[in-house]
Amino acid sequence: MPLQYLESFFAVAETLSFTEAAQRLQTTQPSISRQIRLLEENLETQLFARTRASVALTPRGQELVVSLKPLFQGLRQGMKAARENSHELKGSMTFGCFAEIGQSVFMKSLLEFQAGHPHIELAVEYLKEFEIIERLQQGTLGLGVIASAQENQENIRTYAVHHERVVLVTRRENKEEPRPGAELAVVSYRKLDPLLEKFRKKFKNRVSFRNIVTVNSHRSMMDSLMRLDAFAVMPLHVVESALSSGQLRRVTDLELVNTLYLAHLGTRHMERRYVEMKKYLLKQTKGQR
């Protein structure tokens, strides 16, 4: 017996009106009448006595209310709880990003998302870009933040999620300037750092860079700069305090804008918890783009 037959029966029994029952259930009066008729045919008994002016329960209809109403209410509450639980995000989620940007930009939003969905088990991993891309393709990482748009990777979707200003700095005591033809000793975040190449183009190829220290930690890059007559290309928000205190200085007013991208595997059916996290992160970082 379809559940909507009982829905209609109890709505009419409580209101004693086919019209009001239809309004309560957001359907039409003929639909209610049809379902009551089919229920009566199924039970082989008349449940309502109808006249032009009124509707009343028959003795058999009254018996059905008494016997079935507690069961029906329990069933309705159970179905409501099941619907509510179906909208609740559950399960494990994995998120990968660079250590510094994860700690300074994304971790707060990730923790807020998890707090709003307490049945989510969230694992955040600090990885290199090639590791993030590889793990996304393997399906062992759900979302990641990378520094390139991956336009040539058909199976990776990317969304600009954060812009950061990048500047060329050195310690205050270093008096060397990036004159035409100069070769500057640099501390870099990684070998063949693309930010160094972009800065070289900013100088219209009039200077070159020579790595003397490579370390994938902004804190360690700053420590290196304090001890060496060297230069580094770094996010402004990382060095802002050292610039204000005079420990570091900007070598030039030229700067870059570096874009970071939220990335995931470009599958047709993305799991709902990742869809919701993506929407949340894009919303939270909207002012930073």
Protein backbone atom coordinates (compact mmCIF):
# COMPACT_ATOMS: atom_id res chain seq x y z
CA MET A 1 0.00 0.00 0.00
CA PRO A 2 1.55 3.35 -1.04
CA LEU A 3 2.42 5.59 1.91
CA GLN A 4 0.72 8.62 0.30
CA TYR A 5 -2.65 6.83 0.69
CA LEU A 6 -2.18 6.88 4.47
CA GLU A 7 -0.88 10.47 4.33
CA SER A 8 -4.11 11.49 2.61
CA PHE A 9 -6.25 9.40 4.96
CA PHE A 10 -4.86 10.98 8.14
CA ALA A 11 -4.93 14.49 6.63
CA VAL A 12 -8.67 14.10 5.86
CA ALA A 13 -9.34 12.40 9.22
CA GLU A 14 -7.73 15.32 11.08
CA THR A 15 -9.30 18.14 9.04
CA LEU A 16 -12.57 16.46 7.98
CA SER A 17 -12.13 18.33 4.73
CA PHE A 18 -10.78 17.11 1.42
CA THR A 19 -9.93 20.70 0.45
CA GLU A 20 -7.97 21.44 3.65
CA ALA A 21 -6.21 18.07 3.41
CA ALA A 22 -5.12 18.93 -0.13
CA GLN A 23 -3.77 22.30 1.06
CA ARG A 24 -1.89 20.66 3.93
CA LEU A 25 -0.25 18.13 1.61
CA GLN A 26 0.27 20.72 -1.16
CA THR A 27 -1.65 18.76 -3.74
CA THR A 28 -5.07 18.94 -5.39
CA GLN A 29 -8.46 17.97 -3.99
CA PRO A 30 -9.11 15.45 -6.83
CA SER A 31 -5.79 13.78 -6.01
CA ILE A 32 -6.81 13.40 -2.36
CA SER A 33 -10.21 12.03 -3.37
CA ARG A 34 -8.60 9.51 -5.71
CA GLN A 35 -6.15 8.25 -3.06
CA ILE A 36 -8.93 7.86 -0.46
CA ARG A 37 -11.03 5.93 -3.00
CA LEU A 38 -8.10 3.61 -3.81
CA LEU A 39 -7.42 3.08 -0.09
CA GLU A 40 -11.05 2.16 0.51
CA GLU A 41 -10.97 -0.25 -2.43
CA ASN A 42 -7.77 -1.79 -1.10
CA LEU A 43 -9.28 -2.28 2.39
CA GLU A 44 -12.70 -3.18 0.98
CA THR A 45 -14.47 -0.81 3.38
CA GLN A 46 -15.79 2.74 3.50
CA LEU A 47 -13.69 5.06 5.66
CA PHE A 48 -15.55 8.36 5.28
CA ALA A 49 -19.23 9.30 5.10
CA ARG A 50 -19.52 12.15 2.62
CA THR A 51 -22.34 14.61 2.04
CA ARG A 52 -22.42 17.87 0.13
CA ALA A 53 -21.91 19.79 3.37
CA SER A 54 -19.68 17.53 5.51
CA VAL A 55 -17.17 14.71 5.83
CA ALA A 56 -17.17 12.29 8.78
CA LEU A 57 -15.28 9.15 9.71
CA THR A 58 -17.21 5.90 9.57
CA PRO A 59 -16.87 3.49 12.52
CA ARG A 60 -14.31 1.51 10.45
CA GLY A 61 -12.47 4.73 9.69
CA GLN A 62 -12.35 5.60 13.40
CA GLU A 63 -10.95 2.14 14.18
CA LEU A 64 -8.25 2.62 11.54
CA VAL A 65 -7.21 5.97 13.07
CA VAL A 66 -6.90 4.43 16.53
CA SER A 67 -4.95 1.37 15.37
CA LEU A 68 -2.69 2.93 12.77
CA LYS A 69 -2.01 6.49 13.93
CA PRO A 70 0.81 5.67 16.44
CA LEU A 71 2.50 3.43 13.88
CA PHE A 72 2.09 6.02 11.14
CA GLN A 73 3.50 8.84 13.30
CA GLY A 74 6.52 6.70 14.17
CA LEU A 75 7.06 5.87 10.51
CA ARG A 76 6.74 9.54 9.53
CA GLN A 77 9.25 10.63 12.19
CA GLY A 78 11.65 7.89 11.10
CA MET A 79 11.45 8.97 7.49
CA LYS A 80 11.98 12.62 8.48
CA ALA A 81 15.09 11.68 10.45
CA ALA A 82 16.36 9.60 7.53
CA ARG A 83 15.89 12.57 5.16
CA GLU A 84 17.71 14.88 7.55
CA ASN A 85 20.56 12.41 7.95
CA SER A 86 20.84 12.02 4.20
CA HIS A 87 21.70 15.74 3.99
CA GLU A 88 24.34 15.44 6.70
CA LEU A 89 27.89 15.20 5.37
CA LYS A 90 29.76 12.14 6.61
CA GLY A 91 32.91 10.19 5.86
CA SER A 92 36.62 10.86 5.49
CA MET A 93 38.09 13.68 3.38
CA THR A 94 41.64 14.41 2.27
CA PHE A 95 43.07 17.83 1.43
CA GLY A 96 46.60 18.59 0.22
CA CYS A 97 48.46 21.89 -0.03
CA PHE A 98 51.83 23.58 0.48
CA ALA A 99 52.79 23.86 4.15
CA GLU A 100 53.11 27.65 4.51
CA ILE A 101 50.03 28.55 2.49
CA GLY A 102 48.04 25.83 4.23
CA GLN A 103 48.94 27.15 7.66
CA SER A 104 48.50 30.85 6.86
CA VAL A 105 45.51 30.82 4.49
CA PHE A 106 43.52 27.57 4.33
CA MET A 107 43.71 25.85 7.71
CA LYS A 108 41.26 28.24 9.41
CA SER A 109 38.61 27.69 6.71
CA LEU A 110 39.16 23.91 6.75
CA LEU A 111 38.66 23.77 10.51
CA GLU A 112 35.51 25.90 10.24
CA PHE A 113 34.14 23.53 7.58
CA GLN A 114 34.82 20.51 9.77
CA ALA A 115 33.23 22.20 12.79
CA GLY A 116 30.09 22.72 10.72
CA HIS A 117 30.07 19.05 9.69
CA PRO A 118 31.17 17.12 12.80
CA HIS A 119 30.72 13.71 11.17
CA ILE A 120 33.47 14.51 8.65
CA GLU A 121 36.92 13.08 9.36
CA LEU A 122 39.37 15.52 7.75
CA ALA A 123 42.99 14.72 6.90
CA VAL A 124 45.17 17.66 5.80
CA GLU A 125 48.53 16.83 4.22
CA TYR A 126 51.34 19.26 3.38
CA LEU A 127 52.80 18.17 0.06
CA LYS A 128 54.77 19.36 -2.96
CA GLU A 129 52.87 20.30 -6.09
CA PHE A 130 53.80 17.21 -8.10
CA GLU A 131 52.72 15.04 -5.14
CA ILE A 132 49.35 16.81 -4.95
CA ILE A 133 48.71 16.33 -8.69
CA GLU A 134 49.83 12.71 -8.55
CA ARG A 135 47.62 11.95 -5.55
CA LEU A 136 44.61 13.66 -7.17
CA GLN A 137 45.06 11.51 -10.27
CA GLN A 138 45.41 8.38 -8.14
CA GLY A 139 42.22 9.23 -6.27
CA THR A 140 43.93 9.26 -2.86
CA LEU A 141 43.44 13.01 -2.46
CA GLY A 142 40.06 14.69 -2.81
CA LEU A 143 41.03 18.36 -3.06
CA GLY A 144 44.34 20.19 -3.29
CA VAL A 145 45.88 23.62 -3.72
CA ILE A 146 48.52 24.05 -6.41
CA ALA A 147 50.40 26.91 -8.05
CA SER A 148 49.57 26.20 -11.70
CA ALA A 149 46.28 26.08 -13.60
CA GLN A 150 47.01 22.66 -15.17
CA GLU A 151 45.56 23.74 -18.51
CA ASN A 152 47.18 20.76 -20.24
CA GLN A 153 45.80 18.20 -17.78
CA GLU A 154 42.35 17.26 -19.06
CA ASN A 155 41.49 15.25 -15.95
CA ILE A 156 42.33 17.99 -13.42
CA ARG A 157 39.91 20.86 -12.76
CA THR A 158 41.32 24.07 -11.24
CA TYR A 159 39.78 27.23 -9.80
CA ALA A 160 41.66 30.41 -8.88
CA VAL A 161 41.35 30.55 -5.11
CA HIS A 162 44.04 32.92 -3.79
CA HIS A 163 46.25 35.73 -5.07
CA GLU A 164 49.40 36.77 -3.23
CA ARG A 165 51.82 39.62 -3.91
CA VAL A 166 55.41 38.49 -4.35
CA VAL A 167 58.44 40.75 -3.83
CA LEU A 168 62.23 40.63 -4.17
CA VAL A 169 63.96 41.16 -0.82
CA THR A 170 67.38 41.05 0.81
CA ARG A 171 68.75 41.84 4.25
CA ARG A 172 69.22 45.50 5.14
CA GLU A 173 73.02 45.19 5.29
CA ASN A 174 73.32 43.91 1.72
CA LYS A 175 74.11 46.95 -0.43
CA GLU A 176 74.17 45.12 -3.76
CA GLU A 177 71.59 46.27 -6.32
CA PRO A 178 70.18 44.45 -9.38
CA ARG A 179 72.10 46.46 -11.98
CA PRO A 180 72.09 45.46 -15.67
CA GLY A 181 74.32 42.46 -16.23
CA ALA A 182 74.47 41.57 -12.52
CA GLU A 183 74.30 37.99 -11.30
CA LEU A 184 72.46 37.89 -7.99
CA ALA A 185 72.99 35.16 -5.42
CA VAL A 186 69.57 33.90 -4.36
CA VAL A 187 67.91 31.79 -1.74
CA SER A 188 65.07 29.90 -3.45
CA TYR A 189 62.14 27.82 -2.35
CA ARG A 190 62.98 25.12 -4.88
CA LYS A 191 65.35 24.49 -7.76
CA LEU A 192 64.26 26.10 -11.02
CA ASP A 193 61.82 28.22 -9.05
CA PRO A 194 59.31 29.64 -11.57
CA LEU A 195 58.92 32.81 -9.49
CA LEU A 196 62.61 33.62 -10.02
CA GLU A 197 62.15 33.23 -13.76
CA LYS A 198 59.13 35.53 -13.70
CA PHE A 199 61.10 38.13 -11.77
CA ARG A 200 63.98 37.88 -14.22
CA LYS A 201 61.51 38.71 -17.00
CA LYS A 202 60.26 41.64 -14.92
CA PHE A 203 63.80 42.99 -15.10
CA LYS A 204 63.63 42.42 -18.88
CA ASN A 205 66.40 39.81 -18.61
CA ARG A 206 68.96 42.42 -17.49
CA VAL A 207 69.91 40.38 -14.41
CA SER A 208 70.47 36.68 -13.75
CA PHE A 209 70.08 34.60 -10.61
CA ARG A 210 72.45 32.03 -9.09
CA ASN A 211 71.10 29.66 -6.43
CA ILE A 212 73.26 29.38 -3.33
CA VAL A 213 70.62 27.93 -0.96
CA THR A 214 67.45 26.00 -1.74
CA VAL A 215 65.06 25.33 1.13
CA ASN A 216 61.29 24.70 0.97
CA SER A 217 60.42 26.75 4.04
CA HIS A 218 59.77 30.48 4.07
CA ARG A 219 60.95 30.69 7.67
CA SER A 220 64.27 29.06 6.74
CA MET A 221 64.56 31.30 3.66
CA MET A 222 64.30 34.34 5.91
CA ASP A 223 66.86 32.90 8.32
CA SER A 224 69.22 32.40 5.37
CA LEU A 225 68.70 35.98 4.18
CA MET A 226 69.60 37.34 7.63
CA ARG A 227 73.01 35.65 7.40
CA LEU A 228 73.91 35.96 3.72
CA ASP A 229 74.28 38.71 1.16
CA ALA A 230 71.64 37.11 -0.99
CA PHE A 231 68.22 37.83 -2.47
CA ALA A 232 64.91 35.96 -2.38
CA VAL A 233 61.55 36.16 -4.09
CA MET A 234 58.91 35.75 -1.36
CA PRO A 235 55.22 36.40 -0.66
CA LEU A 236 54.73 39.87 0.79
CA HIS A 237 52.59 38.61 3.68
CA VAL A 238 55.48 36.39 4.81
CA VAL A 239 58.12 39.16 4.92
CA GLU A 240 55.88 42.13 5.84
CA SER A 241 56.89 42.12 9.50
CA ALA A 242 60.61 41.88 8.71
CA LEU A 243 60.25 44.74 6.21
CA SER A 244 58.48 46.91 8.79
CA SER A 245 61.18 46.24 11.41
CA GLY A 246 63.96 47.00 8.93
CA GLN A 247 65.52 43.54 9.02
CA LEU A 248 64.78 43.11 5.32
CA ARG A 249 64.37 45.60 2.51
CA ARG A 250 62.62 45.50 -0.83
CA VAL A 251 65.15 45.65 -3.65
CA THR A 252 62.70 47.10 -6.18
CA ASP A 253 59.13 48.31 -6.42
CA LEU A 254 58.54 45.65 -9.05
CA GLU A 255 56.38 42.79 -7.81
CA LEU A 256 54.48 39.75 -9.02
CA VAL A 257 51.00 38.48 -8.32
CA ASN A 258 51.09 34.73 -7.77
CA THR A 259 47.83 32.78 -8.19
CA LEU A 260 47.03 29.58 -6.32
CA TYR A 261 44.41 27.14 -7.56
CA LEU A 262 41.99 24.77 -5.88
CA ALA A 263 42.21 21.48 -7.78
CA HIS A 264 40.32 18.20 -7.97
CA LEU A 265 39.97 15.27 -10.31
CA GLY A 266 37.59 16.13 -13.15
CA THR A 267 35.16 13.26 -12.61
CA ARG A 268 31.54 13.53 -13.71
CA HIS A 269 30.17 12.57 -10.30
CA MET A 270 32.08 14.33 -7.50
CA GLU A 271 31.16 13.18 -4.00
CA ARG A 272 28.81 15.63 -2.30
CA ARG A 273 31.08 16.29 0.68
CA TYR A 274 33.83 17.45 -1.69
CA VAL A 275 31.37 19.54 -3.69
CA GLU A 276 30.33 21.28 -0.47
CA MET A 277 33.91 21.80 0.69
CA LYS A 278 34.87 23.26 -2.70
CA LYS A 279 31.94 25.69 -2.57
CA TYR A 280 32.82 26.65 1.01
CA LEU A 281 36.50 27.32 0.29
CA LEU A 282 35.73 29.34 -2.84
CA LYS A 283 33.24 31.41 -0.85
CA GLN A 284 35.64 31.93 2.08
CA THR A 285 38.51 33.04 -0.15
CA LYS A 286 36.40 35.20 -2.46
CA GLY A 287 37.86 38.42 -1.03
CA GLN A 288 41.39 37.13 -1.58
CA ARG A 289 40.96 36.59 -5.33
